[in-house]
Amino acid sequence: MAAFRANGLVTLTTDFGLREPFVGIMKGVMLAHAAQLRFVDMAHDVSAFQPVEAGFWLAGALRYFPAGTLHMAVVDPGVGTQRSLLVALSTEQALLVPDNGLLAPLAARGRIDRIIRIDNTRLVQFGVSDVSATFHGRDVFAPLAAALASGRVSPAELGDEIDSIDESGWPSTLERADGGVSGVIVAVDRFGNLISNIGAARVVALSNPTIHIGGLRVPLRRTYGEASAGEYLGLINSFEVLEVARSRGNAAAGLNLAVGAPISAVPTVPGAQFRRS
């Protein structure tokens, strides 16, 4: 198993937004510890208090980053409680996250090689001492991220390896009696696309699949451009999962659906009619 060798690159995923200075402060703390670090803002408008959604986006993004990248994700409604902090290793990259379900989408893909639970008694050596009850991103995550991303410490030095994590909140897909598959919406992007937990392989294996969502039956298309303006459609998106979109429109608003809505892909019934608007 390849080791994590830090390259000085840190990505940040949070639900902090960019209106307030929280993200900038975390970067400042990291730079104060290791001025050579480089940053990529992965996403800061993740839905508030939704670690599983953050984990979904992060799981889909890892493949596009080089070995040695550290991914810091602070979507942490349990900040200040006894929830653990983890360092997960995945294909020569590392993720610094709370143990609150954020890693569940990555675990579901079988993409986690090792997990270290951070030993809080070791934190003081990395400048973690005066810790706020409400801003661990600044007081705990940032100093640890700087130490990891600069190569000053290895993940194994932070604690003991564990073999189980909090995977709550990540839904399973279910097989249907008609041969189809059922899942749920796990994210909604800024275009209003309803993104599911149903993988591409399960959908394309069906004969002429039809997508059922919000009381509608919609066709599976290859691209957004294959549908007329206002038409609902299913497609396999760039994260290789099923989503439902509305051509030149907002599917979430049009169908009044959000994260948690059920969705199914089933073999097409001859003569089925699709609603276009």
C-alpha atoms as a PDB file:
ATOM      1  CA  MET A   1       0.000   0.000   0.000  1.00  0.00           C
ATOM      2  CA  ALA A   2       1.499   3.326  -1.071  1.00  0.00           C
ATOM      3  CA  ALA A   3       2.261   5.828   1.683  1.00  0.00           C
ATOM      4  CA  PHE A   4       1.008   9.399   1.902  1.00  0.00           C
ATOM      5  CA  ARG A   5       3.804  11.802   0.972  1.00  0.00           C
ATOM      6  CA  ALA A   6       2.631  15.378   1.395  1.00  0.00           C
ATOM      7  CA  ASN A   7       3.003  17.689  -1.602  1.00  0.00           C
ATOM      8  CA  GLY A   8       1.973  20.923   0.166  1.00  0.00           C
ATOM      9  CA  LEU A   9      -1.475  21.133  -1.471  1.00  0.00           C
ATOM     10  CA  VAL A  10      -4.563  21.495   0.733  1.00  0.00           C
ATOM     11  CA  THR A  11      -8.141  21.470  -0.514  1.00  0.00           C
ATOM     12  CA  LEU A  12     -10.935  22.922   1.624  1.00  0.00           C
ATOM     13  CA  THR A  13     -14.559  21.808   1.731  1.00  0.00           C
ATOM     14  CA  THR A  14     -16.898  23.546   4.179  1.00  0.00           C
ATOM     15  CA  ASP A  15     -20.420  24.797   4.725  1.00  0.00           C
ATOM     16  CA  PHE A  16     -19.050  28.192   5.826  1.00  0.00           C
ATOM     17  CA  GLY A  17     -19.778  30.120   2.639  1.00  0.00           C
ATOM     18  CA  LEU A  18     -17.575  33.065   1.703  1.00  0.00           C
ATOM     19  CA  ARG A  19     -19.469  36.017   3.156  1.00  0.00           C
ATOM     20  CA  GLU A  20     -17.763  35.751   6.548  1.00  0.00           C
ATOM     21  CA  PRO A  21     -13.997  35.405   7.112  1.00  0.00           C
ATOM     22  CA  PHE A  22     -13.982  31.822   8.412  1.00  0.00           C
ATOM     23  CA  VAL A  23     -12.304  30.242   5.384  1.00  0.00           C
ATOM     24  CA  GLY A  24      -9.728  33.009   5.163  1.00  0.00           C
ATOM     25  CA  ILE A  25      -8.903  32.668   8.853  1.00  0.00           C
ATOM     26  CA  MET A  26      -8.276  28.929   8.483  1.00  0.00           C
ATOM     27  CA  LYS A  27      -5.917  29.607   5.588  1.00  0.00           C
ATOM     28  CA  GLY A  28      -4.145  32.248   7.654  1.00  0.00           C
ATOM     29  CA  VAL A  29      -3.586  29.805  10.506  1.00  0.00           C
ATOM     30  CA  MET A  30      -2.216  27.185   8.131  1.00  0.00           C
ATOM     31  CA  LEU A  31       0.120  29.688   6.474  1.00  0.00           C
ATOM     32  CA  ALA A  32       1.363  30.851   9.870  1.00  0.00           C
ATOM     33  CA  HIS A  33       2.453  27.264  10.511  1.00  0.00           C
ATOM     34  CA  ALA A  34       3.703  26.494   6.986  1.00  0.00           C
ATOM     35  CA  ALA A  35       4.014  29.456   4.607  1.00  0.00           C
ATOM     36  CA  GLN A  36       4.735  27.267   1.588  1.00  0.00           C
ATOM     37  CA  LEU A  37       1.298  25.626   1.491  1.00  0.00           C
ATOM     38  CA  ARG A  38      -1.012  25.990  -1.516  1.00  0.00           C
ATOM     39  CA  PHE A  39      -4.808  25.907  -1.379  1.00  0.00           C
ATOM     40  CA  VAL A  40      -7.692  24.834  -3.583  1.00  0.00           C
ATOM     41  CA  ASP A  41     -11.181  25.889  -2.509  1.00  0.00           C
ATOM     42  CA  MET A  42     -13.156  22.769  -3.348  1.00  0.00           C
ATOM     43  CA  ALA A  43     -16.560  23.953  -2.100  1.00  0.00           C
ATOM     44  CA  HIS A  44     -17.785  26.302   0.612  1.00  0.00           C
ATOM     45  CA  ASP A  45     -21.514  26.350  -0.125  1.00  0.00           C
ATOM     46  CA  VAL A  46     -22.232  22.775   0.883  1.00  0.00           C
ATOM     47  CA  SER A  47     -25.675  22.640   2.506  1.00  0.00           C
ATOM     48  CA  ALA A  48     -25.315  23.652   6.141  1.00  0.00           C
ATOM     49  CA  PHE A  49     -24.981  20.795   8.637  1.00  0.00           C
ATOM     50  CA  GLN A  50     -24.926  18.129   5.886  1.00  0.00           C
ATOM     51  CA  PRO A  51     -21.632  16.197   6.199  1.00  0.00           C
ATOM     52  CA  VAL A  52     -22.808  13.386   3.926  1.00  0.00           C
ATOM     53  CA  GLU A  53     -23.409  15.836   1.082  1.00  0.00           C
ATOM     54  CA  ALA A  54     -19.896  17.210   1.591  1.00  0.00           C
ATOM     55  CA  GLY A  55     -18.566  13.667   1.535  1.00  0.00           C
ATOM     56  CA  PHE A  56     -20.367  12.946  -1.722  1.00  0.00           C
ATOM     57  CA  TRP A  57     -18.740  15.896  -3.501  1.00  0.00           C
ATOM     58  CA  LEU A  58     -15.341  15.090  -2.040  1.00  0.00           C
ATOM     59  CA  ALA A  59     -15.528  11.421  -2.974  1.00  0.00           C
ATOM     60  CA  GLY A  60     -16.169  12.386  -6.574  1.00  0.00           C
ATOM     61  CA  ALA A  61     -13.318  14.898  -6.675  1.00  0.00           C
ATOM     62  CA  LEU A  62     -10.369  12.909  -5.294  1.00  0.00           C
ATOM     63  CA  ARG A  63      -9.433  11.274  -8.594  1.00  0.00           C
ATOM     64  CA  TYR A  64      -8.562  14.659 -10.094  1.00  0.00           C
ATOM     65  CA  PHE A  65      -5.877  15.538  -7.529  1.00  0.00           C
ATOM     66  CA  PRO A  66      -2.254  14.413  -7.387  1.00  0.00           C
ATOM     67  CA  ALA A  67      -0.781  12.022  -4.867  1.00  0.00           C
ATOM     68  CA  GLY A  68       0.194  13.800  -1.669  1.00  0.00           C
ATOM     69  CA  THR A  69      -2.829  16.136  -1.567  1.00  0.00           C
ATOM     70  CA  LEU A  70      -4.463  16.731   1.807  1.00  0.00           C
ATOM     71  CA  HIS A  71      -8.225  17.310   1.760  1.00  0.00           C
ATOM     72  CA  MET A  72      -9.621  19.155   4.789  1.00  0.00           C
ATOM     73  CA  ALA A  73     -13.407  19.012   5.168  1.00  0.00           C
ATOM     74  CA  VAL A  74     -15.121  20.990   7.923  1.00  0.00           C
ATOM     75  CA  VAL A  75     -18.852  20.331   7.814  1.00  0.00           C
ATOM     76  CA  ASP A  76     -19.220  19.657  11.469  1.00  0.00           C
ATOM     77  CA  PRO A  77     -22.556  20.166  13.255  1.00  0.00           C
ATOM     78  CA  GLY A  78     -21.077  18.300  16.241  1.00  0.00           C
ATOM     79  CA  VAL A  79     -18.264  20.822  16.747  1.00  0.00           C
ATOM     80  CA  GLY A  80     -17.277  21.021  20.392  1.00  0.00           C
ATOM     81  CA  THR A  81     -18.713  17.595  21.266  1.00  0.00           C
ATOM     82  CA  GLN A  82     -16.878  14.313  21.798  1.00  0.00           C
ATOM     83  CA  ARG A  83     -17.049  13.308  18.120  1.00  0.00           C
ATOM     84  CA  SER A  84     -13.671  12.073  16.865  1.00  0.00           C
ATOM     85  CA  LEU A  85     -11.418  13.562  14.211  1.00  0.00           C
ATOM     86  CA  LEU A  86     -10.045  11.248  11.545  1.00  0.00           C
ATOM     87  CA  VAL A  87      -7.347  11.082   8.939  1.00  0.00           C
ATOM     88  CA  ALA A  88      -8.346   8.748   6.114  1.00  0.00           C
ATOM     89  CA  LEU A  89      -5.916   7.572   3.451  1.00  0.00           C
ATOM     90  CA  SER A  90      -7.157   7.002  -0.072  1.00  0.00           C
ATOM     91  CA  THR A  91      -4.926   6.256  -3.066  1.00  0.00           C
ATOM     92  CA  GLU A  92      -1.911   8.222  -1.756  1.00  0.00           C
ATOM     93  CA  GLN A  93      -4.065  11.167  -0.646  1.00  0.00           C
ATOM     94  CA  ALA A  94      -5.270  12.040   2.852  1.00  0.00           C
ATOM     95  CA  LEU A  95      -8.513  13.464   4.229  1.00  0.00           C
ATOM     96  CA  LEU A  96      -8.791  15.301   7.542  1.00  0.00           C
ATOM     97  CA  VAL A  97     -12.433  15.159   8.646  1.00  0.00           C
ATOM     98  CA  PRO A  98     -14.794  14.790  11.615  1.00  0.00           C
ATOM     99  CA  ASP A  99     -16.206  11.326  12.222  1.00  0.00           C
ATOM    100  CA  ASN A 100     -19.816  12.264  11.500  1.00  0.00           C
ATOM    101  CA  GLY A 101     -20.760  10.438   8.304  1.00  0.00           C
ATOM    102  CA  LEU A 102     -18.665  12.619   6.007  1.00  0.00           C
ATOM    103  CA  LEU A 103     -16.514   9.649   4.964  1.00  0.00           C
ATOM    104  CA  ALA A 104     -19.507   7.371   4.302  1.00  0.00           C
ATOM    105  CA  PRO A 105     -19.793   8.078   0.533  1.00  0.00           C
ATOM    106  CA  LEU A 106     -16.098   7.322   0.068  1.00  0.00           C
ATOM    107  CA  ALA A 107     -16.359   4.168   2.171  1.00  0.00           C
ATOM    108  CA  ALA A 108     -19.350   3.030   0.092  1.00  0.00           C
ATOM    109  CA  ARG A 109     -17.142   3.195  -2.996  1.00  0.00           C
ATOM    110  CA  GLY A 110     -14.469   1.073  -1.315  1.00  0.00           C
ATOM    111  CA  ARG A 111     -11.974   3.901  -1.679  1.00  0.00           C
ATOM    112  CA  ILE A 112     -10.568   4.106   1.855  1.00  0.00           C
ATOM    113  CA  ASP A 113      -7.274   2.340   2.484  1.00  0.00           C
ATOM    114  CA  ARG A 114      -6.675   3.200   6.157  1.00  0.00           C
ATOM    115  CA  ILE A 115      -8.237   5.349   8.871  1.00  0.00           C
ATOM    116  CA  ILE A 116      -6.460   6.948  11.831  1.00  0.00           C
ATOM    117  CA  ARG A 117      -8.418   8.275  14.809  1.00  0.00           C
ATOM    118  CA  ILE A 118      -6.620  11.371  16.087  1.00  0.00           C
ATOM    119  CA  ASP A 119      -5.449  11.121  19.685  1.00  0.00           C
ATOM    120  CA  ASN A 120      -6.402  14.426  21.312  1.00  0.00           C
ATOM    121  CA  THR A 121      -3.555  14.135  23.792  1.00  0.00           C
ATOM    122  CA  ARG A 122      -1.086  14.615  20.933  1.00  0.00           C
ATOM    123  CA  LEU A 123      -2.593  17.840  19.634  1.00  0.00           C
ATOM    124  CA  VAL A 124      -0.617  20.282  21.770  1.00  0.00           C
ATOM    125  CA  GLN A 125       2.615  19.522  19.893  1.00  0.00           C
ATOM    126  CA  PHE A 126       1.001  20.962  16.735  1.00  0.00           C
ATOM    127  CA  GLY A 127      -0.023  24.242  18.308  1.00  0.00           C
ATOM    128  CA  VAL A 128      -3.485  23.098  19.384  1.00  0.00           C
ATOM    129  CA  SER A 129      -4.072  24.436  22.886  1.00  0.00           C
ATOM    130  CA  ASP A 130      -6.629  27.236  23.239  1.00  0.00           C
ATOM    131  CA  VAL A 131      -9.595  25.600  21.507  1.00  0.00           C
ATOM    132  CA  SER A 132     -12.897  27.363  20.921  1.00  0.00           C
ATOM    133  CA  ALA A 133     -16.060  25.312  21.397  1.00  0.00           C
ATOM    134  CA  THR A 134     -17.453  26.577  18.079  1.00  0.00           C
ATOM    135  CA  PHE A 135     -14.570  26.973  15.596  1.00  0.00           C
ATOM    136  CA  HIS A 136     -12.492  23.797  15.457  1.00  0.00           C
ATOM    137  CA  GLY A 137     -11.768  24.582  11.812  1.00  0.00           C
ATOM    138  CA  ARG A 138      -9.482  27.365  13.015  1.00  0.00           C
ATOM    139  CA  ASP A 139      -8.229  25.924  16.287  1.00  0.00           C
ATOM    140  CA  VAL A 140      -7.829  22.204  15.536  1.00  0.00           C
ATOM    141  CA  PHE A 141      -8.212  21.356  11.849  1.00  0.00           C
ATOM    142  CA  ALA A 142      -5.995  24.146  10.506  1.00  0.00           C
ATOM    143  CA  PRO A 143      -2.905  23.465  12.677  1.00  0.00           C
ATOM    144  CA  LEU A 144      -3.212  19.720  12.032  1.00  0.00           C
ATOM    145  CA  ALA A 145      -3.669  20.270   8.302  1.00  0.00           C
ATOM    146  CA  ALA A 146      -0.555  22.434   8.194  1.00  0.00           C
ATOM    147  CA  ALA A 147       1.472  19.761   9.968  1.00  0.00           C
ATOM    148  CA  LEU A 148       0.225  17.016   7.648  1.00  0.00           C
ATOM    149  CA  ALA A 149       0.404  18.970   4.380  1.00  0.00           C
ATOM    150  CA  SER A 150       3.922  20.248   5.078  1.00  0.00           C
ATOM    151  CA  GLY A 151       5.167  16.757   5.841  1.00  0.00           C
ATOM    152  CA  ARG A 152       6.064  17.694   9.408  1.00  0.00           C
ATOM    153  CA  VAL A 153       3.994  14.784  10.704  1.00  0.00           C
ATOM    154  CA  SER A 154       2.698  11.570   9.176  1.00  0.00           C
ATOM    155  CA  PRO A 155      -0.883  10.368   9.696  1.00  0.00           C
ATOM    156  CA  ALA A 156       0.342   7.378  11.701  1.00  0.00           C
ATOM    157  CA  GLU A 157       1.886   9.717  14.277  1.00  0.00           C
ATOM    158  CA  LEU A 158      -1.483  11.248  15.126  1.00  0.00           C
ATOM    159  CA  GLY A 159      -3.224   8.223  16.589  1.00  0.00           C
ATOM    160  CA  ASP A 160      -4.196   4.598  16.197  1.00  0.00           C
ATOM    161  CA  GLU A 161      -5.635   2.885  13.148  1.00  0.00           C
ATOM    162  CA  ILE A 162      -9.308   1.941  13.343  1.00  0.00           C
ATOM    163  CA  ASP A 163     -11.545  -0.224  11.193  1.00  0.00           C
ATOM    164  CA  SER A 164     -14.983   1.351  11.622  1.00  0.00           C
ATOM    165  CA  ILE A 165     -16.395   4.855  11.221  1.00  0.00           C
ATOM    166  CA  ASP A 166     -19.718   6.650  11.456  1.00  0.00           C
ATOM    167  CA  GLU A 167     -21.533   5.851   8.196  1.00  0.00           C
ATOM    168  CA  SER A 168     -24.901   7.196   9.261  1.00  0.00           C
ATOM    169  CA  GLY A 169     -26.815   9.267   6.785  1.00  0.00           C
ATOM    170  CA  TRP A 170     -25.587   7.545   3.633  1.00  0.00           C
ATOM    171  CA  PRO A 171     -28.544   5.664   2.117  1.00  0.00           C
ATOM    172  CA  SER A 172     -28.399   2.284   0.441  1.00  0.00           C
ATOM    173  CA  THR A 173     -29.831   1.471  -2.966  1.00  0.00           C
ATOM    174  CA  LEU A 174     -32.488  -1.240  -3.124  1.00  0.00           C
ATOM    175  CA  GLU A 175     -33.324  -3.819  -5.760  1.00  0.00           C
ATOM    176  CA  ARG A 176     -36.885  -3.663  -7.068  1.00  0.00           C
ATOM    177  CA  ALA A 177     -39.136  -6.607  -7.922  1.00  0.00           C
ATOM    178  CA  ASP A 178     -39.372  -5.335 -11.517  1.00  0.00           C
ATOM    179  CA  GLY A 179     -35.591  -5.556 -11.921  1.00  0.00           C
ATOM    180  CA  GLY A 180     -34.987  -1.887 -11.350  1.00  0.00           C
ATOM    181  CA  VAL A 181     -33.181  -0.077  -8.551  1.00  0.00           C
ATOM    182  CA  SER A 182     -34.350   2.501  -6.015  1.00  0.00           C
ATOM    183  CA  GLY A 183     -32.294   5.164  -4.287  1.00  0.00           C
ATOM    184  CA  VAL A 184     -32.552   8.694  -2.958  1.00  0.00           C
ATOM    185  CA  ILE A 185     -31.406  12.191  -3.861  1.00  0.00           C
ATOM    186  CA  VAL A 186     -28.173  12.936  -1.986  1.00  0.00           C
ATOM    187  CA  ALA A 187     -27.291  16.372  -3.392  1.00  0.00           C
ATOM    188  CA  VAL A 188     -28.758  19.258  -5.365  1.00  0.00           C
ATOM    189  CA  ASP A 189     -26.372  21.435  -7.345  1.00  0.00           C
ATOM    190  CA  ARG A 190     -26.713  25.150  -8.150  1.00  0.00           C
ATOM    191  CA  PHE A 191     -28.570  24.348 -11.382  1.00  0.00           C
ATOM    192  CA  GLY A 192     -31.246  22.460  -9.451  1.00  0.00           C
ATOM    193  CA  ASN A 193     -30.129  19.067 -10.734  1.00  0.00           C
ATOM    194  CA  LEU A 194     -31.291  16.273  -8.425  1.00  0.00           C
ATOM    195  CA  ILE A 195     -28.309  13.970  -7.887  1.00  0.00           C
ATOM    196  CA  SER A 196     -28.869  10.426  -6.640  1.00  0.00           C
ATOM    197  CA  ASN A 197     -26.855   7.661  -5.020  1.00  0.00           C
ATOM    198  CA  ILE A 198     -27.598   5.254  -7.897  1.00  0.00           C
ATOM    199  CA  GLY A 199     -24.423   4.401  -9.779  1.00  0.00           C
ATOM    200  CA  ALA A 200     -24.128   4.488 -13.546  1.00  0.00           C
ATOM    201  CA  ALA A 201     -23.462   0.767 -13.958  1.00  0.00           C
ATOM    202  CA  ARG A 202     -26.751  -0.158 -12.283  1.00  0.00           C
ATOM    203  CA  VAL A 203     -28.733   2.150 -14.583  1.00  0.00           C
ATOM    204  CA  VAL A 204     -27.132   1.292 -17.923  1.00  0.00           C
ATOM    205  CA  ALA A 205     -27.593  -2.420 -17.189  1.00  0.00           C
ATOM    206  CA  LEU A 206     -31.359  -1.948 -17.474  1.00  0.00           C
ATOM    207  CA  SER A 207     -33.245  -2.386 -20.706  1.00  0.00           C
ATOM    208  CA  ASN A 208     -34.314   1.073 -21.916  1.00  0.00           C
ATOM    209  CA  PRO A 209     -34.405   2.568 -18.400  1.00  0.00           C
ATOM    210  CA  THR A 210     -37.097   4.973 -17.280  1.00  0.00           C
ATOM    211  CA  ILE A 211     -36.601   7.206 -14.265  1.00  0.00           C
ATOM    212  CA  HIS A 212     -39.374   7.578 -11.687  1.00  0.00           C
ATOM    213  CA  ILE A 213     -39.263  10.647  -9.446  1.00  0.00           C
ATOM    214  CA  GLY A 214     -41.818  12.976  -7.888  1.00  0.00           C
ATOM    215  CA  GLY A 215     -44.731  11.118  -9.445  1.00  0.00           C
ATOM    216  CA  LEU A 216     -43.248  11.443 -12.959  1.00  0.00           C
ATOM    217  CA  ARG A 217     -41.723   9.041 -15.449  1.00  0.00           C
ATOM    218  CA  VAL A 218     -38.857  10.656 -17.345  1.00  0.00           C
ATOM    219  CA  PRO A 219     -36.576   9.288 -20.053  1.00  0.00           C
ATOM    220  CA  LEU A 220     -32.866   8.626 -19.702  1.00  0.00           C
ATOM    221  CA  ARG A 221     -30.863  10.849 -22.084  1.00  0.00           C
ATOM    222  CA  ARG A 222     -27.159  11.121 -22.821  1.00  0.00           C
ATOM    223  CA  THR A 223     -26.847  14.907 -22.534  1.00  0.00           C
ATOM    224  CA  TYR A 224     -28.880  17.906 -21.375  1.00  0.00           C
ATOM    225  CA  GLY A 225     -29.047  19.102 -24.983  1.00  0.00           C
ATOM    226  CA  GLU A 226     -31.042  16.059 -26.088  1.00  0.00           C
ATOM    227  CA  ALA A 227     -34.101  17.385 -24.239  1.00  0.00           C
ATOM    228  CA  SER A 228     -36.350  20.277 -25.219  1.00  0.00           C
ATOM    229  CA  ALA A 229     -36.447  23.384 -23.018  1.00  0.00           C
ATOM    230  CA  GLY A 230     -38.510  22.665 -19.914  1.00  0.00           C
ATOM    231  CA  GLU A 231     -38.380  18.889 -20.315  1.00  0.00           C
ATOM    232  CA  TYR A 232     -37.349  16.706 -17.375  1.00  0.00           C
ATOM    233  CA  LEU A 233     -34.757  14.052 -18.086  1.00  0.00           C
ATOM    234  CA  GLY A 234     -32.537  11.561 -16.362  1.00  0.00           C
ATOM    235  CA  LEU A 235     -28.875  11.206 -17.245  1.00  0.00           C
ATOM    236  CA  ILE A 236     -25.587   9.841 -15.966  1.00  0.00           C
ATOM    237  CA  ASN A 237     -23.611  12.851 -14.783  1.00  0.00           C
ATOM    238  CA  SER A 238     -19.885  13.495 -14.614  1.00  0.00           C
ATOM    239  CA  PHE A 239     -19.708  11.887 -11.155  1.00  0.00           C
ATOM    240  CA  GLU A 240     -21.042   8.677 -12.720  1.00  0.00           C
ATOM    241  CA  VAL A 241     -24.342   8.622 -10.862  1.00  0.00           C
ATOM    242  CA  LEU A 242     -27.942   9.098 -11.959  1.00  0.00           C
ATOM    243  CA  GLU A 243     -29.378  12.597 -11.784  1.00  0.00           C
ATOM    244  CA  VAL A 244     -32.640  14.208 -12.877  1.00  0.00           C
ATOM    245  CA  ALA A 245     -32.432  17.580 -14.592  1.00  0.00           C
ATOM    246  CA  ARG A 246     -34.749  20.007 -16.340  1.00  0.00           C
ATOM    247  CA  SER A 247     -33.485  21.288 -19.658  1.00  0.00           C
ATOM    248  CA  ARG A 248     -32.719  25.007 -19.260  1.00  0.00           C
ATOM    249  CA  GLY A 249     -34.561  24.925 -15.962  1.00  0.00           C
ATOM    250  CA  ASN A 250     -34.394  23.887 -12.328  1.00  0.00           C
ATOM    251  CA  ALA A 251     -35.596  20.355 -11.618  1.00  0.00           C
ATOM    252  CA  ALA A 252     -35.537  20.725  -7.826  1.00  0.00           C
ATOM    253  CA  ALA A 253     -37.723  23.846  -7.928  1.00  0.00           C
ATOM    254  CA  GLY A 254     -39.987  22.537 -10.664  1.00  0.00           C
ATOM    255  CA  LEU A 255     -40.677  19.261  -8.860  1.00  0.00           C
ATOM    256  CA  ASN A 256     -40.468  20.752  -5.345  1.00  0.00           C
ATOM    257  CA  LEU A 257     -37.968  18.067  -4.341  1.00  0.00           C
ATOM    258  CA  ALA A 258     -34.799  18.115  -2.252  1.00  0.00           C
ATOM    259  CA  VAL A 259     -32.201  15.853  -0.650  1.00  0.00           C
ATOM    260  CA  GLY A 260     -33.889  12.696   0.605  1.00  0.00           C
ATOM    261  CA  ALA A 261     -36.451  12.428  -2.207  1.00  0.00           C
ATOM    262  CA  PRO A 262     -36.885   8.874  -3.547  1.00  0.00           C
ATOM    263  CA  ILE A 263     -35.869   8.007  -7.097  1.00  0.00           C
ATOM    264  CA  SER A 264     -35.951   4.786  -9.127  1.00  0.00           C
ATOM    265  CA  ALA A 265     -34.625   3.526 -12.430  1.00  0.00           C
ATOM    266  CA  VAL A 266     -36.720   0.756 -13.970  1.00  0.00           C
ATOM    267  CA  PRO A 267     -36.958  -1.079 -17.288  1.00  0.00           C
ATOM    268  CA  THR A 268     -39.191   0.858 -19.668  1.00  0.00           C
ATOM    269  CA  VAL A 269     -42.803  -0.300 -19.893  1.00  0.00           C
ATOM    270  CA  PRO A 270     -43.963  -0.331 -23.544  1.00  0.00           C
ATOM    271  CA  GLY A 271     -46.273   2.584 -24.260  1.00  0.00           C
ATOM    272  CA  ALA A 272     -45.176   4.628 -21.227  1.00  0.00           C
ATOM    273  CA  GLN A 273     -45.708   8.354 -21.610  1.00  0.00           C
ATOM    274  CA  PHE A 274     -43.268  10.974 -20.362  1.00  0.00           C
ATOM    275  CA  ARG A 275     -44.211  14.340 -18.935  1.00  0.00           C
ATOM    276  CA  ARG A 276     -42.246  17.155 -20.601  1.00  0.00           C
ATOM    277  CA  SER A 277     -43.023  20.126 -18.366  1.00  0.00           C
END
